[in-house]
């Protein structure tokens, strides 16, 4: 039977990174995991104008809710499925009363949002680059129309003017 030899801590892959992250300011422990402040919700991330909505602004809990989910593997919840008891107030107290809305778990790299009864996993919505944003068909049609008008105008300027008799008047 082979003899088990423990791995020295300095030979474990990723340990150096993990130890460095734990030294960063703001990193705290809660429920057996380490978290660091990630960011606040951005302007318009909670309140945003919805397409086709007759109301000017609406609290978009739907927007936030589609980006969060329960993390049963982490298990930080006050519900019966929770592995570790959770309190919103205690979580923020452990964070040093941080003013951020989203935290990153050092152990698994996932983002989390503290709520009343559990720590929800947060999925960052994809950001589109401005150049990759799709232009509306109307905008494209207007652009093509302007190009055609500019080409026709340039062609008209370059053609010599003719008199009714067919003689060139001069440019």
N, C-alpha and C. Protein backbone atom coordinates (compact mmCIF):
# COMPACT_ATOMS: atom_id res chain seq x y z
N UNK A 1 0.85 -1.17 0.00
CA UNK A 1 0.00 0.00 0.00
C UNK A 1 0.89 1.24 0.00
N UNK A 2 0.60 2.23 -0.94
CA UNK A 2 1.45 3.41 -1.00
C UNK A 2 1.27 4.28 0.24
N UNK A 3 2.34 4.89 0.63
CA UNK A 3 2.33 5.75 1.81
C UNK A 3 1.88 7.15 1.40
N UNK A 4 0.94 7.72 2.15
CA UNK A 4 0.42 9.06 1.89
C UNK A 4 1.40 10.09 2.44
N UNK A 5 1.78 11.03 1.57
CA UNK A 5 2.65 12.12 2.01
C UNK A 5 1.91 13.43 1.78
N UNK A 6 1.73 14.20 2.82
CA UNK A 6 1.03 15.48 2.65
C UNK A 6 1.85 16.45 1.80
N UNK A 7 1.14 17.29 1.07
CA UNK A 7 1.80 18.29 0.22
C UNK A 7 2.15 19.49 1.09
N UNK A 8 3.34 19.98 0.91
CA UNK A 8 3.77 21.18 1.63
C UNK A 8 2.95 22.36 1.14
N UNK A 9 2.52 23.26 2.03
CA UNK A 9 1.67 24.39 1.63
C UNK A 9 2.27 25.25 0.52
N UNK A 10 3.59 25.35 0.46
CA UNK A 10 4.19 26.18 -0.59
C UNK A 10 4.20 25.49 -1.95
N UNK A 11 3.79 24.22 -2.03
CA UNK A 11 3.74 23.50 -3.31
C UNK A 11 2.32 23.33 -3.85
N UNK A 12 1.32 23.84 -3.15
CA UNK A 12 -0.07 23.73 -3.61
C UNK A 12 -0.30 24.81 -4.68
N UNK A 13 -0.79 24.40 -5.85
CA UNK A 13 -1.03 25.39 -6.91
C UNK A 13 -2.05 26.44 -6.49
N UNK A 14 -1.75 27.70 -6.76
CA UNK A 14 -2.68 28.79 -6.47
C UNK A 14 -2.63 29.30 -5.05
N UNK A 15 -1.85 28.69 -4.18
CA UNK A 15 -1.82 29.12 -2.78
C UNK A 15 -1.25 30.53 -2.67
N UNK A 16 -0.23 30.83 -3.45
CA UNK A 16 0.37 32.16 -3.38
C UNK A 16 -0.65 33.24 -3.71
N UNK A 17 -1.42 33.00 -4.77
CA UNK A 17 -2.45 33.96 -5.15
C UNK A 17 -3.48 34.11 -4.04
N UNK A 18 -3.92 32.99 -3.51
CA UNK A 18 -4.93 32.96 -2.45
C UNK A 18 -4.44 33.73 -1.23
N UNK A 19 -3.20 33.50 -0.83
CA UNK A 19 -2.65 34.19 0.34
C UNK A 19 -2.51 35.68 0.09
N UNK A 20 -2.15 36.06 -1.13
CA UNK A 20 -2.04 37.49 -1.47
C UNK A 20 -3.40 38.17 -1.42
N UNK A 21 -4.42 37.50 -1.93
CA UNK A 21 -5.77 38.07 -1.94
C UNK A 21 -6.27 38.27 -0.52
N UNK A 22 -5.96 37.33 0.36
CA UNK A 22 -6.41 37.45 1.75
C UNK A 22 -5.78 38.65 2.45
N UNK A 23 -4.65 39.12 1.96
CA UNK A 23 -3.97 40.27 2.55
C UNK A 23 -4.52 41.60 2.03
N UNK A 24 -5.32 41.56 0.94
CA UNK A 24 -5.86 42.78 0.36
C UNK A 24 -6.80 43.47 1.36
N UNK A 25 -6.81 44.80 1.35
CA UNK A 25 -7.73 45.51 2.25
C UNK A 25 -9.18 45.23 1.88
N UNK A 26 -10.02 45.08 2.87
CA UNK A 26 -11.44 44.85 2.64
C UNK A 26 -11.85 43.40 2.60
N UNK A 27 -10.91 42.47 2.51
CA UNK A 27 -11.26 41.04 2.48
C UNK A 27 -11.69 40.62 3.88
N UNK A 28 -12.80 39.91 3.97
CA UNK A 28 -13.33 39.49 5.26
C UNK A 28 -13.85 38.06 5.16
N UNK A 29 -14.05 37.43 6.31
CA UNK A 29 -14.52 36.05 6.38
C UNK A 29 -15.96 36.04 6.87
N UNK A 30 -16.80 35.24 6.20
CA UNK A 30 -18.17 35.04 6.65
C UNK A 30 -18.61 33.65 6.23
N UNK A 31 -19.13 32.90 7.15
CA UNK A 31 -19.66 31.56 6.87
C UNK A 31 -18.62 30.59 6.35
N UNK A 32 -17.37 30.77 6.74
CA UNK A 32 -16.32 29.86 6.31
C UNK A 32 -15.71 30.22 4.95
N UNK A 33 -16.16 31.32 4.34
CA UNK A 33 -15.63 31.77 3.06
C UNK A 33 -15.08 33.19 3.22
N UNK A 34 -14.22 33.57 2.29
CA UNK A 34 -13.66 34.91 2.31
C UNK A 34 -14.25 35.71 1.14
N UNK A 35 -14.61 36.94 1.41
CA UNK A 35 -15.22 37.81 0.41
C UNK A 35 -14.46 39.11 0.34
N UNK A 36 -14.49 39.69 -0.86
CA UNK A 36 -13.92 41.03 -1.01
C UNK A 36 -14.93 41.90 -1.74
N UNK A 37 -15.01 43.17 -1.38
CA UNK A 37 -15.94 44.07 -2.06
C UNK A 37 -15.61 44.14 -3.55
N UNK A 38 -16.63 44.08 -4.39
CA UNK A 38 -16.43 44.07 -5.84
C UNK A 38 -16.85 45.41 -6.45
N UNK A 39 -18.14 45.78 -6.30
CA UNK A 39 -18.59 47.07 -6.82
C UNK A 39 -20.01 47.37 -6.35
N UNK A 40 -20.40 48.63 -6.54
CA UNK A 40 -21.79 49.04 -6.30
C UNK A 40 -22.57 48.82 -7.59
N UNK A 41 -23.89 48.77 -7.47
CA UNK A 41 -24.70 48.73 -8.68
C UNK A 41 -24.46 50.03 -9.43
N UNK A 42 -24.38 49.94 -10.75
CA UNK A 42 -24.16 51.11 -11.58
C UNK A 42 -25.42 51.93 -11.74
N UNK A 43 -25.22 53.18 -12.19
CA UNK A 43 -26.35 54.07 -12.43
C UNK A 43 -27.25 53.43 -13.49
N UNK A 44 -28.52 53.34 -13.20
CA UNK A 44 -29.45 52.76 -14.15
C UNK A 44 -29.54 51.25 -14.09
N UNK A 45 -28.77 50.62 -13.22
CA UNK A 45 -28.80 49.17 -13.14
C UNK A 45 -30.03 48.70 -12.37
N UNK A 46 -30.51 49.51 -11.44
CA UNK A 46 -31.69 49.16 -10.68
C UNK A 46 -32.92 49.83 -11.29
N UNK A 47 -32.81 51.11 -11.59
CA UNK A 47 -33.92 51.81 -12.24
C UNK A 47 -33.53 51.99 -13.69
N UNK A 48 -34.35 51.53 -14.57
CA UNK A 48 -34.04 51.71 -15.98
C UNK A 48 -35.34 51.76 -16.78
N UNK A 49 -35.28 52.46 -17.86
CA UNK A 49 -36.45 52.56 -18.72
C UNK A 49 -36.59 51.26 -19.50
N UNK A 50 -37.77 50.69 -19.45
CA UNK A 50 -38.00 49.44 -20.17
C UNK A 50 -38.64 49.73 -21.52
N UNK A 51 -38.23 49.00 -22.55
CA UNK A 51 -38.82 49.16 -23.87
C UNK A 51 -40.30 48.80 -23.81
N UNK A 52 -41.10 49.65 -24.40
CA UNK A 52 -42.53 49.39 -24.45
C UNK A 52 -43.26 49.67 -23.15
N UNK A 53 -42.57 50.19 -22.15
CA UNK A 53 -43.22 50.48 -20.87
C UNK A 53 -43.73 51.91 -20.92
N UNK A 54 -45.02 52.11 -20.66
CA UNK A 54 -45.59 53.44 -20.73
C UNK A 54 -45.14 54.31 -19.55
N UNK A 55 -44.75 53.66 -18.46
CA UNK A 55 -44.26 54.43 -17.31
C UNK A 55 -42.83 54.90 -17.60
N UNK A 56 -42.47 56.08 -17.09
CA UNK A 56 -41.15 56.62 -17.38
C UNK A 56 -40.05 55.78 -16.74
N UNK A 57 -40.12 55.55 -15.44
CA UNK A 57 -39.11 54.74 -14.75
C UNK A 57 -39.83 53.69 -13.91
N UNK A 58 -39.20 52.59 -13.74
CA UNK A 58 -39.80 51.52 -12.96
C UNK A 58 -38.69 50.81 -12.20
N UNK A 59 -38.96 50.43 -10.96
CA UNK A 59 -37.98 49.63 -10.23
C UNK A 59 -37.90 48.30 -10.95
N UNK A 60 -36.76 47.96 -11.41
CA UNK A 60 -36.62 46.77 -12.22
C UNK A 60 -36.06 45.65 -11.38
N UNK A 61 -36.89 45.15 -10.48
CA UNK A 61 -36.46 43.99 -9.72
C UNK A 61 -36.30 42.80 -10.64
N UNK A 62 -37.11 42.78 -11.73
CA UNK A 62 -36.97 41.71 -12.71
C UNK A 62 -35.56 41.69 -13.28
N UNK A 63 -35.02 42.88 -13.55
CA UNK A 63 -33.68 42.98 -14.12
C UNK A 63 -32.65 42.39 -13.17
N UNK A 64 -32.76 42.76 -11.89
CA UNK A 64 -31.82 42.25 -10.91
C UNK A 64 -32.06 40.76 -10.68
N UNK A 65 -33.32 40.36 -10.58
CA UNK A 65 -33.64 38.96 -10.29
C UNK A 65 -33.19 38.00 -11.38
N UNK A 66 -33.16 38.45 -12.64
CA UNK A 66 -32.72 37.52 -13.68
C UNK A 66 -31.20 37.33 -13.64
N UNK A 67 -30.50 38.14 -12.86
CA UNK A 67 -29.06 38.02 -12.76
C UNK A 67 -28.60 37.40 -11.44
N UNK A 68 -29.54 37.00 -10.59
CA UNK A 68 -29.17 36.36 -9.33
C UNK A 68 -29.84 35.00 -9.21
N UNK A 69 -29.21 34.14 -8.41
CA UNK A 69 -29.80 32.82 -8.15
C UNK A 69 -29.25 32.31 -6.83
N UNK A 70 -29.96 31.38 -6.24
CA UNK A 70 -29.49 30.75 -5.02
C UNK A 70 -28.29 29.88 -5.32
N UNK A 71 -27.31 29.90 -4.43
CA UNK A 71 -26.13 29.05 -4.60
C UNK A 71 -26.18 27.98 -3.50
N UNK A 72 -26.72 26.83 -3.87
CA UNK A 72 -26.88 25.74 -2.91
C UNK A 72 -25.54 25.15 -2.49
N UNK A 73 -24.54 25.24 -3.37
CA UNK A 73 -23.21 24.72 -3.03
C UNK A 73 -22.56 25.57 -1.94
N UNK A 74 -22.71 26.89 -2.05
CA UNK A 74 -22.17 27.78 -1.02
C UNK A 74 -22.96 27.61 0.27
N UNK A 75 -24.27 27.60 0.15
CA UNK A 75 -25.15 27.29 1.28
C UNK A 75 -25.24 28.33 2.37
N UNK A 76 -24.98 29.60 2.05
CA UNK A 76 -25.11 30.65 3.07
C UNK A 76 -26.52 31.21 2.95
N UNK A 77 -27.39 30.75 3.85
CA UNK A 77 -28.80 31.08 3.78
C UNK A 77 -29.47 30.87 5.14
N UNK A 78 -30.55 31.61 5.37
CA UNK A 78 -31.33 31.38 6.58
C UNK A 78 -32.46 30.38 6.34
N UNK A 79 -32.58 29.88 5.10
CA UNK A 79 -33.58 28.87 4.78
C UNK A 79 -33.11 27.50 5.26
N UNK A 80 -34.01 26.52 5.24
CA UNK A 80 -33.69 25.20 5.78
C UNK A 80 -32.61 24.47 4.97
N UNK A 81 -32.40 24.83 3.71
CA UNK A 81 -31.37 24.18 2.91
C UNK A 81 -29.97 24.75 3.16
N UNK A 82 -29.90 25.84 3.90
CA UNK A 82 -28.62 26.50 4.14
C UNK A 82 -27.68 25.66 4.99
N UNK A 83 -26.41 25.67 4.62
CA UNK A 83 -25.39 24.96 5.39
C UNK A 83 -24.85 25.83 6.51
N UNK A 84 -24.87 27.13 6.27
CA UNK A 84 -24.39 28.12 7.23
C UNK A 84 -25.49 29.13 7.46
N UNK A 85 -25.74 29.47 8.71
CA UNK A 85 -26.78 30.45 9.00
C UNK A 85 -26.36 31.81 8.46
N UNK A 86 -27.33 32.56 7.97
CA UNK A 86 -27.05 33.84 7.33
C UNK A 86 -27.87 34.94 7.97
N UNK A 87 -27.25 36.10 8.11
CA UNK A 87 -27.94 37.30 8.55
C UNK A 87 -27.39 38.46 7.72
N UNK A 88 -28.28 39.20 7.11
CA UNK A 88 -27.90 40.34 6.27
C UNK A 88 -27.07 41.33 7.09
N UNK A 89 -27.54 41.64 8.29
CA UNK A 89 -26.85 42.60 9.16
C UNK A 89 -25.46 42.10 9.55
N UNK A 90 -25.36 40.81 9.89
CA UNK A 90 -24.06 40.25 10.30
C UNK A 90 -23.09 40.20 9.12
N UNK A 91 -23.61 39.94 7.92
CA UNK A 91 -22.74 39.92 6.74
C UNK A 91 -22.12 41.29 6.52
N UNK A 92 -22.96 42.34 6.56
CA UNK A 92 -22.42 43.70 6.37
C UNK A 92 -21.54 44.13 7.53
N UNK A 93 -21.83 43.66 8.73
CA UNK A 93 -20.96 43.96 9.87
C UNK A 93 -19.59 43.31 9.66
N UNK A 94 -19.58 42.07 9.17
CA UNK A 94 -18.31 41.38 8.91
C UNK A 94 -17.52 42.08 7.80
N UNK A 95 -18.24 42.72 6.87
CA UNK A 95 -17.58 43.41 5.76
C UNK A 95 -17.03 44.76 6.18
N UNK A 96 -17.20 45.11 7.45
CA UNK A 96 -16.77 46.43 7.91
C UNK A 96 -17.76 47.49 7.47
N UNK A 97 -19.02 47.10 7.36
CA UNK A 97 -20.10 47.97 6.90
C UNK A 97 -19.76 48.61 5.54
N UNK A 98 -19.29 47.77 4.66
CA UNK A 98 -18.93 48.20 3.31
C UNK A 98 -20.16 48.77 2.61
N UNK A 99 -19.93 49.73 1.70
CA UNK A 99 -21.06 50.34 0.99
C UNK A 99 -21.25 49.76 -0.41
N UNK A 100 -20.60 48.62 -0.71
CA UNK A 100 -20.78 48.00 -2.03
C UNK A 100 -21.98 47.07 -2.03
N UNK A 101 -22.48 46.78 -3.21
CA UNK A 101 -23.66 45.92 -3.36
C UNK A 101 -23.28 44.50 -3.77
N UNK A 102 -22.12 44.35 -4.43
CA UNK A 102 -21.72 43.05 -4.97
C UNK A 102 -20.36 42.68 -4.38
N UNK A 103 -20.24 41.43 -3.93
CA UNK A 103 -19.00 40.94 -3.32
C UNK A 103 -18.50 39.74 -4.12
N UNK A 104 -17.19 39.53 -4.10
CA UNK A 104 -16.61 38.38 -4.79
C UNK A 104 -16.05 37.41 -3.76
N UNK A 105 -16.38 36.13 -3.93
CA UNK A 105 -15.87 35.08 -3.05
C UNK A 105 -14.46 34.73 -3.50
N UNK A 106 -13.52 34.75 -2.57
CA UNK A 106 -12.13 34.46 -2.89
C UNK A 106 -11.96 33.00 -3.27
N UNK A 107 -12.66 32.11 -2.58
CA UNK A 107 -12.48 30.67 -2.81
C UNK A 107 -12.96 30.21 -4.18
N UNK A 108 -14.12 30.70 -4.64
CA UNK A 108 -14.64 30.18 -5.91
C UNK A 108 -14.69 31.23 -7.02
N UNK A 109 -14.42 32.49 -6.71
CA UNK A 109 -14.38 33.55 -7.72
C UNK A 109 -15.74 34.07 -8.14
N UNK A 110 -16.83 33.50 -7.61
CA UNK A 110 -18.18 33.94 -7.97
C UNK A 110 -18.53 35.25 -7.29
N UNK A 111 -19.48 35.96 -7.90
CA UNK A 111 -19.98 37.22 -7.34
C UNK A 111 -21.24 36.93 -6.55
N UNK A 112 -21.44 37.69 -5.46
CA UNK A 112 -22.60 37.48 -4.60
C UNK A 112 -23.22 38.81 -4.19
N UNK A 113 -24.54 38.78 -4.04
CA UNK A 113 -25.31 39.94 -3.60
C UNK A 113 -26.03 39.56 -2.32
N UNK A 114 -25.76 40.27 -1.21
CA UNK A 114 -26.47 39.97 0.03
C UNK A 114 -27.92 40.46 -0.02
N UNK A 115 -28.83 39.60 0.36
CA UNK A 115 -30.24 39.95 0.47
C UNK A 115 -30.72 39.57 1.86
N UNK A 116 -32.00 39.73 2.09
CA UNK A 116 -32.55 39.56 3.43
C UNK A 116 -32.32 38.17 4.01
N UNK A 117 -32.54 37.11 3.22
CA UNK A 117 -32.48 35.76 3.77
C UNK A 117 -31.37 34.87 3.21
N UNK A 118 -30.63 35.35 2.25
CA UNK A 118 -29.54 34.53 1.72
C UNK A 118 -28.56 35.39 0.94
N UNK A 119 -27.44 34.80 0.68
CA UNK A 119 -26.41 35.41 -0.15
C UNK A 119 -26.58 34.85 -1.56
N UNK A 120 -27.11 35.68 -2.48
CA UNK A 120 -27.41 35.23 -3.84
C UNK A 120 -26.16 35.30 -4.70
N UNK A 121 -26.02 34.31 -5.58
CA UNK A 121 -24.96 34.36 -6.58
C UNK A 121 -25.41 35.34 -7.66
N UNK A 122 -24.50 36.20 -8.11
CA UNK A 122 -24.82 37.23 -9.08
C UNK A 122 -24.07 36.96 -10.38
N UNK A 123 -24.79 37.00 -11.48
CA UNK A 123 -24.16 36.81 -12.79
C UNK A 123 -24.07 38.17 -13.46
N UNK A 124 -22.85 38.62 -13.67
CA UNK A 124 -22.61 39.93 -14.30
C UNK A 124 -23.19 39.92 -15.70
N UNK A 125 -24.08 40.88 -16.02
CA UNK A 125 -24.63 40.90 -17.39
C UNK A 125 -23.53 41.24 -18.39
N UNK A 126 -23.57 40.65 -19.58
CA UNK A 126 -22.53 40.93 -20.57
C UNK A 126 -22.58 42.39 -21.02
N UNK A 127 -21.41 42.99 -21.17
CA UNK A 127 -21.32 44.37 -21.63
C UNK A 127 -21.00 44.36 -23.12
N UNK A 128 -21.78 45.12 -23.88
CA UNK A 128 -21.52 45.20 -25.31
C UNK A 128 -20.69 46.45 -25.59
N UNK A 129 -19.71 46.29 -26.46
CA UNK A 129 -18.91 47.43 -26.88
C UNK A 129 -19.77 48.33 -27.76
N UNK A 130 -19.53 49.65 -27.70
CA UNK A 130 -20.35 50.57 -28.48
C UNK A 130 -20.27 50.28 -29.97
N UNK A 131 -19.10 49.89 -30.45
CA UNK A 131 -18.96 49.61 -31.88
C UNK A 131 -19.74 48.37 -32.29
N UNK A 132 -19.98 47.47 -31.33
CA UNK A 132 -20.69 46.23 -31.64
C UNK A 132 -22.20 46.38 -31.49
N UNK A 133 -22.65 47.54 -30.99
CA UNK A 133 -24.08 47.72 -30.79
C UNK A 133 -24.78 47.76 -32.14
N UNK A 134 -25.91 47.11 -32.21
CA UNK A 134 -26.65 47.02 -33.45
C UNK A 134 -27.37 48.34 -33.71
N UNK A 135 -27.23 48.85 -34.94
CA UNK A 135 -27.91 50.08 -35.31
C UNK A 135 -29.28 49.73 -35.85
N UNK A 136 -30.22 50.63 -35.66
CA UNK A 136 -31.57 50.36 -36.13
C UNK A 136 -31.62 50.43 -37.65
N UNK A 137 -32.52 49.68 -38.27
CA UNK A 137 -32.65 49.70 -39.74
C UNK A 137 -32.96 51.10 -40.26
N UNK A 138 -33.73 51.89 -39.52
CA UNK A 138 -34.07 53.24 -39.94
C UNK A 138 -32.82 54.11 -39.99
N UNK A 139 -31.94 53.98 -38.99
CA UNK A 139 -30.70 54.75 -38.97
C UNK A 139 -29.84 54.39 -40.17
N UNK A 140 -29.75 53.11 -40.48
CA UNK A 140 -28.98 52.66 -41.63
C UNK A 140 -29.57 53.20 -42.94
N UNK A 141 -30.89 53.20 -43.06
CA UNK A 141 -31.55 53.69 -44.27
C UNK A 141 -31.31 55.18 -44.45
N UNK A 142 -31.37 55.94 -43.38
CA UNK A 142 -31.11 57.38 -43.44
C UNK A 142 -29.67 57.63 -43.87
N UNK A 143 -28.75 56.85 -43.31
CA UNK A 143 -27.34 56.99 -43.66
C UNK A 143 -27.12 56.72 -45.15
N UNK A 144 -27.74 55.65 -45.68
CA UNK A 144 -27.61 55.34 -47.11
C UNK A 144 -28.20 56.46 -47.98
N UNK A 145 -29.34 57.00 -47.55
CA UNK A 145 -29.99 58.09 -48.29
C UNK A 145 -29.10 59.33 -48.34
N UNK A 146 -28.46 59.66 -47.25
CA UNK A 146 -27.56 60.81 -47.21
C UNK A 146 -26.36 60.59 -48.13
N UNK A 147 -25.83 59.36 -48.16
CA UNK A 147 -24.70 59.05 -49.04
C UNK A 147 -25.11 59.20 -50.50
N UNK A 148 -26.30 58.71 -50.86
CA UNK A 148 -26.77 58.82 -52.24
C UNK A 148 -26.95 60.28 -52.65
N UNK A 149 -27.50 61.10 -51.73
CA UNK A 149 -27.69 62.51 -52.02
C UNK A 149 -26.35 63.21 -52.20
N UNK A 150 -25.37 62.87 -51.38
CA UNK A 150 -24.04 63.47 -51.49
C UNK A 150 -23.38 63.08 -52.80
N UNK A 151 -23.53 61.81 -53.21
CA UNK A 151 -22.96 61.36 -54.49
C UNK A 151 -23.63 62.07 -55.66
N UNK A 152 -24.96 62.18 -55.62
CA UNK A 152 -25.69 62.85 -56.71
C UNK A 152 -25.31 64.32 -56.77
N UNK A 153 -25.14 64.96 -55.65
CA UNK A 153 -24.75 66.36 -55.59
C UNK A 153 -23.35 66.56 -56.16
N UNK A 154 -22.44 65.67 -55.81
CA UNK A 154 -21.07 65.75 -56.33
C UNK A 154 -21.06 65.53 -57.84
N UNK A 155 -21.85 64.60 -58.32
CA UNK A 155 -21.92 64.31 -59.75
C UNK A 155 -22.51 65.51 -60.50
N UNK A 156 -23.51 66.15 -59.93
CA UNK A 156 -24.15 67.32 -60.54
C UNK A 156 -23.15 68.47 -60.64
N UNK A 157 -22.32 68.66 -59.64
CA UNK A 157 -21.33 69.74 -59.63
C UNK A 157 -20.25 69.50 -60.68
N UNK A 158 -19.92 68.25 -60.93
CA UNK A 158 -18.85 67.93 -61.87
C UNK A 158 -19.29 67.91 -63.33
N UNK A 159 -20.59 67.92 -63.61
CA UNK A 159 -21.08 67.90 -64.98
C UNK A 159 -21.16 69.34 -65.49
N UNK A 160 -20.66 69.57 -66.71
CA UNK A 160 -20.75 70.94 -67.25
C UNK A 160 -22.19 71.32 -67.54
N UNK A 161 -22.51 72.59 -67.30
CA UNK A 161 -23.87 73.09 -67.53
C UNK A 161 -24.07 73.29 -69.04
N UNK A 162 -25.24 72.97 -69.51
CA UNK A 162 -25.54 73.09 -70.94
C UNK A 162 -26.71 74.04 -71.13
N UNK A 163 -26.65 74.76 -72.25
CA UNK A 163 -27.73 75.66 -72.63
C UNK A 163 -28.78 74.84 -73.35
N UNK A 164 -29.94 75.42 -73.54
CA UNK A 164 -31.01 74.67 -74.19
C UNK A 164 -30.61 74.21 -75.58
N UNK A 165 -29.78 74.87 -76.18
CA UNK A 165 -29.35 74.50 -77.53
C UNK A 165 -28.31 73.39 -77.52
N UNK A 166 -27.85 73.00 -76.37
CA UNK A 166 -26.89 71.92 -76.27
C UNK A 166 -25.46 72.42 -76.15
N UNK A 167 -25.24 73.75 -76.14
CA UNK A 167 -23.88 74.29 -76.03
C UNK A 167 -23.51 74.41 -74.57
N UNK A 168 -22.22 74.14 -74.28
CA UNK A 168 -21.72 74.29 -72.91
C UNK A 168 -21.68 75.77 -72.55
N UNK A 169 -22.19 76.07 -71.35
CA UNK A 169 -22.15 77.45 -70.87
C UNK A 169 -20.84 77.68 -70.14
N UNK A 170 -20.34 76.64 -69.54
CA UNK A 170 -19.11 76.76 -68.75
C UNK A 170 -19.43 76.48 -67.30
N UNK A 171 -18.41 76.12 -66.56
CA UNK A 171 -18.64 75.64 -65.25
C UNK A 171 -18.67 76.57 -64.20
